[in-house]
Amino acid sequence: MRVLGLLKKHPKITTTVFQMNDKYVVKFEAGSMEQTFKFDQSSVSGLEEIDRMLNEEFVKKVILRFNEMYLSFEALKDKPGLQ
């Protein structure tokens, strides 16, 4: 897996684009959580097009998903026997 670049999509989220096995892999990281999306290399022309595709509306959904993940994880930690 080769790193193609880092995208500045949100100040609290790290967005890394990789190239691997005829795919572009986009990984969003926030704290201990991550979301990964894969694109066929034949469907996008490269890093610049991926940056354009990951528009404000898409990033807002990524943030909402991170919030849901965080709440689920916190609820799990509050269950008896997990401390």
PDB file of N, CA and C in Angstrom:
ATOM      1  N   MET A   1       0.863  -1.171   0.000  1.00  0.00           N
ATOM      2  CA  MET A   1       0.000   0.000   0.000  1.00  0.00           C
ATOM      3  C   MET A   1       0.906   1.229   0.000  1.00  0.00           C
ATOM      4  N   ARG A   2       0.598   2.154  -0.886  1.00  0.00           N
ATOM      5  CA  ARG A   2       1.420   3.347  -1.038  1.00  0.00           C
ATOM      6  C   ARG A   2       0.585   4.582  -0.726  1.00  0.00           C
ATOM      7  N   VAL A   3       1.119   5.487   0.084  1.00  0.00           N
ATOM      8  CA  VAL A   3       0.417   6.725   0.418  1.00  0.00           C
ATOM      9  C   VAL A   3       0.529   7.683  -0.758  1.00  0.00           C
ATOM     10  N   LEU A   4      -0.637   8.140  -1.245  1.00  0.00           N
ATOM     11  CA  LEU A   4      -0.658   9.139  -2.320  1.00  0.00           C
ATOM     12  C   LEU A   4      -0.683  10.555  -1.770  1.00  0.00           C
ATOM     13  N   GLY A   5      -1.358  10.723  -0.632  1.00  0.00           N
ATOM     14  CA  GLY A   5      -1.405  12.059  -0.057  1.00  0.00           C
ATOM     15  C   GLY A   5      -2.362  12.170   1.107  1.00  0.00           C
ATOM     16  N   LEU A   6      -2.261  13.313   1.766  1.00  0.00           N
ATOM     17  CA  LEU A   6      -3.160  13.678   2.856  1.00  0.00           C
ATOM     18  C   LEU A   6      -4.061  14.792   2.357  1.00  0.00           C
ATOM     19  N   LEU A   7      -5.344  14.704   2.677  1.00  0.00           N
ATOM     20  CA  LEU A   7      -6.300  15.735   2.281  1.00  0.00           C
ATOM     21  C   LEU A   7      -6.774  16.480   3.523  1.00  0.00           C
ATOM     22  N   LYS A   8      -6.906  17.770   3.420  1.00  0.00           N
ATOM     23  CA  LYS A   8      -7.386  18.603   4.532  1.00  0.00           C
ATOM     24  C   LYS A   8      -8.891  18.808   4.370  1.00  0.00           C
ATOM     25  N   LYS A   9      -9.677  17.829   4.836  1.00  0.00           N
ATOM     26  CA  LYS A   9     -11.125  17.900   4.687  1.00  0.00           C
ATOM     27  C   LYS A   9     -11.813  18.449   5.931  1.00  0.00           C
ATOM     28  N   HIS A  10     -11.176  18.277   7.100  1.00  0.00           N
ATOM     29  CA  HIS A  10     -11.743  18.745   8.373  1.00  0.00           C
ATOM     30  C   HIS A  10     -10.593  18.840   9.371  1.00  0.00           C
ATOM     31  N   PRO A  11     -10.598  19.875  10.236  1.00  0.00           N
ATOM     32  CA  PRO A  11      -9.468  20.055  11.157  1.00  0.00           C
ATOM     33  C   PRO A  11      -9.275  18.941  12.182  1.00  0.00           C
ATOM     34  N   LYS A  12     -10.328  18.183  12.506  1.00  0.00           N
ATOM     35  CA  LYS A  12     -10.211  17.146  13.532  1.00  0.00           C
ATOM     36  C   LYS A  12     -10.175  15.735  12.951  1.00  0.00           C
ATOM     37  N   ILE A  13     -10.128  15.635  11.622  1.00  0.00           N
ATOM     38  CA  ILE A  13     -10.127  14.331  10.966  1.00  0.00           C
ATOM     39  C   ILE A  13      -8.923  14.249  10.036  1.00  0.00           C
ATOM     40  N   THR A  14      -8.174  13.147  10.143  1.00  0.00           N
ATOM     41  CA  THR A  14      -7.071  12.892   9.224  1.00  0.00           C
ATOM     42  C   THR A  14      -7.619  12.105   8.037  1.00  0.00           C
ATOM     43  N   THR A  15      -7.359  12.592   6.834  1.00  0.00           N
ATOM     44  CA  THR A  15      -7.823  11.924   5.620  1.00  0.00           C
ATOM     45  C   THR A  15      -6.610  11.550   4.785  1.00  0.00           C
ATOM     46  N   THR A  16      -6.386  10.248   4.619  1.00  0.00           N
ATOM     47  CA  THR A  16      -5.233   9.738   3.886  1.00  0.00           C
ATOM     48  C   THR A  16      -5.723   8.952   2.680  1.00  0.00           C
ATOM     49  N   VAL A  17      -5.068   9.163   1.533  1.00  0.00           N
ATOM     50  CA  VAL A  17      -5.398   8.419   0.315  1.00  0.00           C
ATOM     51  C   VAL A  17      -4.234   7.493  -0.006  1.00  0.00           C
ATOM     52  N   PHE A  18      -4.569   6.220  -0.187  1.00  0.00           N
ATOM     53  CA  PHE A  18      -3.580   5.192  -0.523  1.00  0.00           C
ATOM     54  C   PHE A  18      -3.885   4.630  -1.905  1.00  0.00           C
ATOM     55  N   GLN A  19      -2.882   4.029  -2.504  1.00  0.00           N
ATOM     56  CA  GLN A  19      -3.070   3.260  -3.733  1.00  0.00           C
ATOM     57  C   GLN A  19      -2.694   1.818  -3.418  1.00  0.00           C
ATOM     58  N   MET A  20      -3.614   0.873  -3.758  1.00  0.00           N
ATOM     59  CA  MET A  20      -3.365  -0.526  -3.429  1.00  0.00           C
ATOM     60  C   MET A  20      -4.168  -1.423  -4.366  1.00  0.00           C
ATOM     61  N   ASN A  21      -3.496  -2.327  -5.065  1.00  0.00           N
ATOM     62  CA  ASN A  21      -4.157  -3.351  -5.881  1.00  0.00           C
ATOM     63  C   ASN A  21      -5.255  -2.782  -6.781  1.00  0.00           C
ATOM     64  N   ASP A  22      -4.909  -1.845  -7.635  1.00  0.00           N
ATOM     65  CA  ASP A  22      -5.857  -1.242  -8.586  1.00  0.00           C
ATOM     66  C   ASP A  22      -7.015  -0.511  -7.915  1.00  0.00           C
ATOM     67  N   LYS A  23      -6.791  -0.085  -6.668  1.00  0.00           N
ATOM     68  CA  LYS A  23      -7.814   0.677  -5.950  1.00  0.00           C
ATOM     69  C   LYS A  23      -7.169   1.872  -5.261  1.00  0.00           C
ATOM     70  N   TYR A  24      -7.989   2.905  -5.094  1.00  0.00           N
ATOM     71  CA  TYR A  24      -7.626   4.008  -4.216  1.00  0.00           C
ATOM     72  C   TYR A  24      -8.377   3.766  -2.916  1.00  0.00           C
ATOM     73  N   VAL A  25      -7.691   3.845  -1.815  1.00  0.00           N
ATOM     74  CA  VAL A  25      -8.291   3.650  -0.501  1.00  0.00           C
ATOM     75  C   VAL A  25      -8.232   4.985   0.236  1.00  0.00           C
ATOM     76  N   VAL A  26      -9.399   5.464   0.670  1.00  0.00           N
ATOM     77  CA  VAL A  26      -9.480   6.717   1.410  1.00  0.00           C
ATOM     78  C   VAL A  26      -9.823   6.368   2.852  1.00  0.00           C
ATOM     79  N   LYS A  27      -8.933   6.765   3.775  1.00  0.00           N
ATOM     80  CA  LYS A  27      -9.142   6.464   5.188  1.00  0.00           C
ATOM     81  C   LYS A  27      -9.311   7.758   5.968  1.00  0.00           C
ATOM     82  N   PHE A  28     -10.442   7.857   6.665  1.00  0.00           N
ATOM     83  CA  PHE A  28     -10.722   8.962   7.579  1.00  0.00           C
ATOM     84  C   PHE A  28     -10.441   8.456   8.984  1.00  0.00           C
ATOM     85  N   GLU A  29      -9.685   9.228   9.773  1.00  0.00           N
ATOM     86  CA  GLU A  29      -9.375   8.842  11.146  1.00  0.00           C
ATOM     87  C   GLU A  29      -9.736   9.972  12.100  1.00  0.00           C
ATOM     88  N   ALA A  30     -10.399   9.590  13.195  1.00  0.00           N
ATOM     89  CA  ALA A  30     -10.735  10.526  14.273  1.00  0.00           C
ATOM     90  C   ALA A  30     -10.515   9.787  15.584  1.00  0.00           C
ATOM     91  N   GLY A  31      -9.474  10.150  16.289  1.00  0.00           N
ATOM     92  CA  GLY A  31      -9.164   9.451  17.532  1.00  0.00           C
ATOM     93  C   GLY A  31      -8.870   7.994  17.261  1.00  0.00           C
ATOM     94  N   SER A  32      -9.565   7.100  17.957  1.00  0.00           N
ATOM     95  CA  SER A  32      -9.336   5.668  17.792  1.00  0.00           C
ATOM     96  C   SER A  32     -10.272   5.039  16.763  1.00  0.00           C
ATOM     97  N   MET A  33     -11.017   5.862  16.038  1.00  0.00           N
ATOM     98  CA  MET A  33     -11.978   5.356  15.061  1.00  0.00           C
ATOM     99  C   MET A  33     -11.504   5.662  13.650  1.00  0.00           C
ATOM    100  N   GLU A  34     -11.917   4.805  12.713  1.00  0.00           N
ATOM    101  CA  GLU A  34     -11.599   5.074  11.314  1.00  0.00           C
ATOM    102  C   GLU A  34     -12.720   4.577  10.415  1.00  0.00           C
ATOM    103  N   GLN A  35     -12.815   5.229   9.256  1.00  0.00           N
ATOM    104  CA  GLN A  35     -13.733   4.832   8.197  1.00  0.00           C
ATOM    105  C   GLN A  35     -12.912   4.728   6.920  1.00  0.00           C
ATOM    106  N   THR A  36     -13.185   3.696   6.121  1.00  0.00           N
ATOM    107  CA  THR A  36     -12.420   3.464   4.904  1.00  0.00           C
ATOM    108  C   THR A  36     -13.363   3.302   3.725  1.00  0.00           C
ATOM    109  N   PHE A  37     -13.003   3.934   2.615  1.00  0.00           N
ATOM    110  CA  PHE A  37     -13.757   3.846   1.375  1.00  0.00           C
ATOM    111  C   PHE A  37     -12.793   3.466   0.264  1.00  0.00           C
ATOM    112  N   LYS A  38     -13.239   2.588  -0.641  1.00  0.00           N
ATOM    113  CA  LYS A  38     -12.387   2.139  -1.744  1.00  0.00           C
ATOM    114  C   LYS A  38     -13.013   2.528  -3.081  1.00  0.00           C
ATOM    115  N   PHE A  39     -12.159   2.982  -4.002  1.00  0.00           N
ATOM    116  CA  PHE A  39     -12.581   3.353  -5.349  1.00  0.00           C
ATOM    117  C   PHE A  39     -11.728   2.583  -6.349  1.00  0.00           C
ATOM    118  N   ASP A  40     -12.339   2.024  -7.377  1.00  0.00           N
ATOM    119  CA  ASP A  40     -11.564   1.409  -8.450  1.00  0.00           C
ATOM    120  C   ASP A  40     -10.741   2.484  -9.137  1.00  0.00           C
ATOM    121  N   GLN A  41      -9.487   2.155  -9.429  1.00  0.00           N
ATOM    122  CA  GLN A  41      -8.622   3.120 -10.102  1.00  0.00           C
ATOM    123  C   GLN A  41      -9.189   3.542 -11.450  1.00  0.00           C
ATOM    124  N   SER A  42      -9.912   2.647 -12.097  1.00  0.00           N
ATOM    125  CA  SER A  42     -10.477   2.959 -13.410  1.00  0.00           C
ATOM    126  C   SER A  42     -11.636   3.951 -13.331  1.00  0.00           C
ATOM    127  N   SER A  43     -12.195   4.169 -12.126  1.00  0.00           N
ATOM    128  CA  SER A  43     -13.356   5.050 -11.994  1.00  0.00           C
ATOM    129  C   SER A  43     -12.996   6.489 -11.622  1.00  0.00           C
ATOM    130  N   VAL A  44     -11.764   6.731 -11.201  1.00  0.00           N
ATOM    131  CA  VAL A  44     -11.320   8.094 -10.871  1.00  0.00           C
ATOM    132  C   VAL A  44      -9.915   8.312 -11.436  1.00  0.00           C
ATOM    133  N   SER A  45      -9.610   9.570 -11.739  1.00  0.00           N
ATOM    134  CA  SER A  45      -8.336   9.858 -12.409  1.00  0.00           C
ATOM    135  C   SER A  45      -7.164  10.046 -11.455  1.00  0.00           C
ATOM    136  N   GLY A  46      -7.436  10.200 -10.166  1.00  0.00           N
ATOM    137  CA  GLY A  46      -6.333  10.356  -9.232  1.00  0.00           C
ATOM    138  C   GLY A  46      -6.711  11.164  -8.008  1.00  0.00           C
ATOM    139  N   LEU A  47      -5.686  11.627  -7.316  1.00  0.00           N
ATOM    140  CA  LEU A  47      -5.855  12.308  -6.038  1.00  0.00           C
ATOM    141  C   LEU A  47      -6.726  13.567  -6.158  1.00  0.00           C
ATOM    142  N   GLU A  48      -6.525  14.339  -7.202  1.00  0.00           N
ATOM    143  CA  GLU A  48      -7.290  15.581  -7.356  1.00  0.00           C
ATOM    144  C   GLU A  48      -8.783  15.305  -7.508  1.00  0.00           C
ATOM    145  N   GLU A  49      -9.120  14.289  -8.293  1.00  0.00           N
ATOM    146  CA  GLU A  49     -10.535  13.957  -8.469  1.00  0.00           C
ATOM    147  C   GLU A  49     -11.141  13.414  -7.169  1.00  0.00           C
ATOM    148  N   ILE A  50     -10.394  12.609  -6.450  1.00  0.00           N
ATOM    149  CA  ILE A  50     -10.874  12.110  -5.156  1.00  0.00           C
ATOM    150  C   ILE A  50     -11.129  13.282  -4.213  1.00  0.00           C
ATOM    151  N   ASP A  51     -10.225  14.251  -4.191  1.00  0.00           N
ATOM    152  CA  ASP A  51     -10.393  15.435  -3.342  1.00  0.00           C
ATOM    153  C   ASP A  51     -11.682  16.168  -3.696  1.00  0.00           C
ATOM    154  N   ARG A  52     -11.983  16.301  -4.978  1.00  0.00           N
ATOM    155  CA  ARG A  52     -13.229  16.966  -5.407  1.00  0.00           C
ATOM    156  C   ARG A  52     -14.456  16.143  -5.033  1.00  0.00           C
ATOM    157  N   MET A  53     -14.356  14.823  -5.154  1.00  0.00           N
ATOM    158  CA  MET A  53     -15.495  13.949  -4.853  1.00  0.00           C
ATOM    159  C   MET A  53     -15.880  14.007  -3.375  1.00  0.00           C
ATOM    160  N   LEU A  54     -14.890  14.153  -2.511  1.00  0.00           N
ATOM    161  CA  LEU A  54     -15.140  14.181  -1.070  1.00  0.00           C
ATOM    162  C   LEU A  54     -15.569  15.594  -0.668  1.00  0.00           C
ATOM    163  N   ASN A  55     -16.749  15.968  -1.121  1.00  0.00           N
ATOM    164  CA  ASN A  55     -17.249  17.328  -0.922  1.00  0.00           C
ATOM    165  C   ASN A  55     -17.775  17.538   0.498  1.00  0.00           C
ATOM    166  N   GLU A  56     -18.233  18.736   0.750  1.00  0.00           N
ATOM    167  CA  GLU A  56     -18.685  19.115   2.095  1.00  0.00           C
ATOM    168  C   GLU A  56     -19.818  18.217   2.589  1.00  0.00           C
ATOM    169  N   GLU A  57     -20.757  17.890   1.718  1.00  0.00           N
ATOM    170  CA  GLU A  57     -21.881  17.033   2.109  1.00  0.00           C
ATOM    171  C   GLU A  57     -21.391  15.643   2.513  1.00  0.00           C
ATOM    172  N   PHE A  58     -20.457  15.078   1.753  1.00  0.00           N
ATOM    173  CA  PHE A  58     -19.910  13.759   2.074  1.00  0.00           C
ATOM    174  C   PHE A  58     -19.192  13.799   3.417  1.00  0.00           C
ATOM    175  N   VAL A  59     -18.371  14.824   3.639  1.00  0.00           N
ATOM    176  CA  VAL A  59     -17.602  14.931   4.881  1.00  0.00           C
ATOM    177  C   VAL A  59     -18.538  15.111   6.078  1.00  0.00           C
ATOM    178  N   LYS A  60     -19.634  15.836   5.908  1.00  0.00           N
ATOM    179  CA  LYS A  60     -20.610  15.977   6.995  1.00  0.00           C
ATOM    180  C   LYS A  60     -21.166  14.614   7.400  1.00  0.00           C
ATOM    181  N   LYS A  61     -21.411  13.746   6.413  1.00  0.00           N
ATOM    182  CA  LYS A  61     -21.905  12.403   6.719  1.00  0.00           C
ATOM    183  C   LYS A  61     -20.840  11.569   7.425  1.00  0.00           C
ATOM    184  N   VAL A  62     -19.594  11.749   7.042  1.00  0.00           N
ATOM    185  CA  VAL A  62     -18.498  11.056   7.716  1.00  0.00           C
ATOM    186  C   VAL A  62     -18.459  11.480   9.184  1.00  0.00           C
ATOM    187  N   ILE A  63     -18.600  12.767   9.441  1.00  0.00           N
ATOM    188  CA  ILE A  63     -18.585  13.287  10.815  1.00  0.00           C
ATOM    189  C   ILE A  63     -19.761  12.733  11.615  1.00  0.00           C
ATOM    190  N   LEU A  64     -20.943  12.706  11.013  1.00  0.00           N
ATOM    191  CA  LEU A  64     -22.112  12.139  11.698  1.00  0.00           C
ATOM    192  C   LEU A  64     -21.878  10.675  12.049  1.00  0.00           C
ATOM    193  N   ARG A  65     -21.281   9.930  11.119  1.00  0.00           N
ATOM    194  CA  ARG A  65     -20.992   8.520  11.371  1.00  0.00           C
ATOM    195  C   ARG A  65     -19.989   8.371  12.508  1.00  0.00           C
ATOM    196  N   PHE A  66     -18.967   9.234  12.548  1.00  0.00           N
ATOM    197  CA  PHE A  66     -18.015   9.199  13.664  1.00  0.00           C
ATOM    198  C   PHE A  66     -18.727   9.471  14.984  1.00  0.00           C
ATOM    199  N   ASN A  67     -19.646  10.423  14.992  1.00  0.00           N
ATOM    200  CA  ASN A  67     -20.394  10.714  16.217  1.00  0.00           C
ATOM    201  C   ASN A  67     -21.197   9.496  16.667  1.00  0.00           C
ATOM    202  N   GLU A  68     -21.849   8.814  15.720  1.00  0.00           N
ATOM    203  CA  GLU A  68     -22.603   7.607  16.044  1.00  0.00           C
ATOM    204  C   GLU A  68     -21.671   6.517  16.582  1.00  0.00           C
ATOM    205  N   MET A  69     -20.514   6.357  15.961  1.00  0.00           N
ATOM    206  CA  MET A  69     -19.542   5.361  16.407  1.00  0.00           C
ATOM    207  C   MET A  69     -19.096   5.656  17.834  1.00  0.00           C
ATOM    208  N   TYR A  70     -18.824   6.925  18.122  1.00  0.00           N
ATOM    209  CA  TYR A  70     -18.382   7.327  19.455  1.00  0.00           C
ATOM    210  C   TYR A  70     -19.454   7.007  20.499  1.00  0.00           C
ATOM    211  N   LEU A  71     -20.702   7.364  20.196  1.00  0.00           N
ATOM    212  CA  LEU A  71     -21.793   7.108  21.144  1.00  0.00           C
ATOM    213  C   LEU A  71     -21.978   5.611  21.378  1.00  0.00           C
ATOM    214  N   SER A  72     -21.876   4.814  20.329  1.00  0.00           N
ATOM    215  CA  SER A  72     -21.988   3.360  20.469  1.00  0.00           C
ATOM    216  C   SER A  72     -20.874   2.811  21.344  1.00  0.00           C
ATOM    217  N   PHE A  73     -19.672   3.299  21.132  1.00  0.00           N
ATOM    218  CA  PHE A  73     -18.528   2.829  21.901  1.00  0.00           C
ATOM    219  C   PHE A  73     -18.658   3.226  23.367  1.00  0.00           C
ATOM    220  N   GLU A  74     -19.082   4.454  23.612  1.00  0.00           N
ATOM    221  CA  GLU A  74     -19.271   4.912  24.992  1.00  0.00           C
ATOM    222  C   GLU A  74     -20.351   4.110  25.691  1.00  0.00           C
ATOM    223  N   ALA A  75     -21.432   3.796  24.995  1.00  0.00           N
ATOM    224  CA  ALA A  75     -22.513   2.991  25.584  1.00  0.00           C
ATOM    225  C   ALA A  75     -22.007   1.597  25.915  1.00  0.00           C
ATOM    226  N   LEU A  76     -21.150   1.056  25.068  1.00  0.00           N
ATOM    227  CA  LEU A  76     -20.584  -0.265  25.310  1.00  0.00           C
ATOM    228  C   LEU A  76     -19.712  -0.244  26.561  1.00  0.00           C
ATOM    229  N   LYS A  77     -18.948   0.805  26.735  1.00  0.00           N
ATOM    230  CA  LYS A  77     -18.077   0.912  27.898  1.00  0.00           C
ATOM    231  C   LYS A  77     -18.863   1.042  29.208  1.00  0.00           C
ATOM    232  N   ASP A  78     -20.094   1.535  29.123  1.00  0.00           N
ATOM    233  CA  ASP A  78     -20.925   1.693  30.320  1.00  0.00           C
ATOM    234  C   ASP A  78     -21.597   0.406  30.756  1.00  0.00           C
ATOM    235  N   LYS A  79     -21.478  -0.659  29.979  1.00  0.00           N
ATOM    236  CA  LYS A  79     -22.104  -1.942  30.329  1.00  0.00           C
ATOM    237  C   LYS A  79     -21.326  -2.594  31.480  1.00  0.00           C
ATOM    238  N   PRO A  80     -22.049  -3.238  32.404  1.00  0.00           N
ATOM    239  CA  PRO A  80     -21.377  -3.915  33.535  1.00  0.00           C
ATOM    240  C   PRO A  80     -20.397  -4.982  33.036  1.00  0.00           C
ATOM    241  N   GLY A  81     -19.293  -5.103  33.749  1.00  0.00           N
ATOM    242  CA  GLY A  81     -18.320  -6.131  33.432  1.00  0.00           C
ATOM    243  C   GLY A  81     -17.285  -5.730  32.392  1.00  0.00           C
ATOM    244  N   LEU A  82     -17.363  -4.506  31.876  1.00  0.00           N
ATOM    245  CA  LEU A  82     -16.398  -4.072  30.860  1.00  0.00           C
ATOM    246  C   LEU A  82     -15.354  -3.122  31.398  1.00  0.00           C
ATOM    247  N   GLN A  83     -15.389  -2.844  32.689  1.00  0.00           N
ATOM    248  CA  GLN A  83     -14.389  -1.937  33.254  1.00  0.00           C
ATOM    249  C   GLN A  83     -13.138  -2.683  33.607  1.00  0.00           C
TER     250      GLN A  83
END
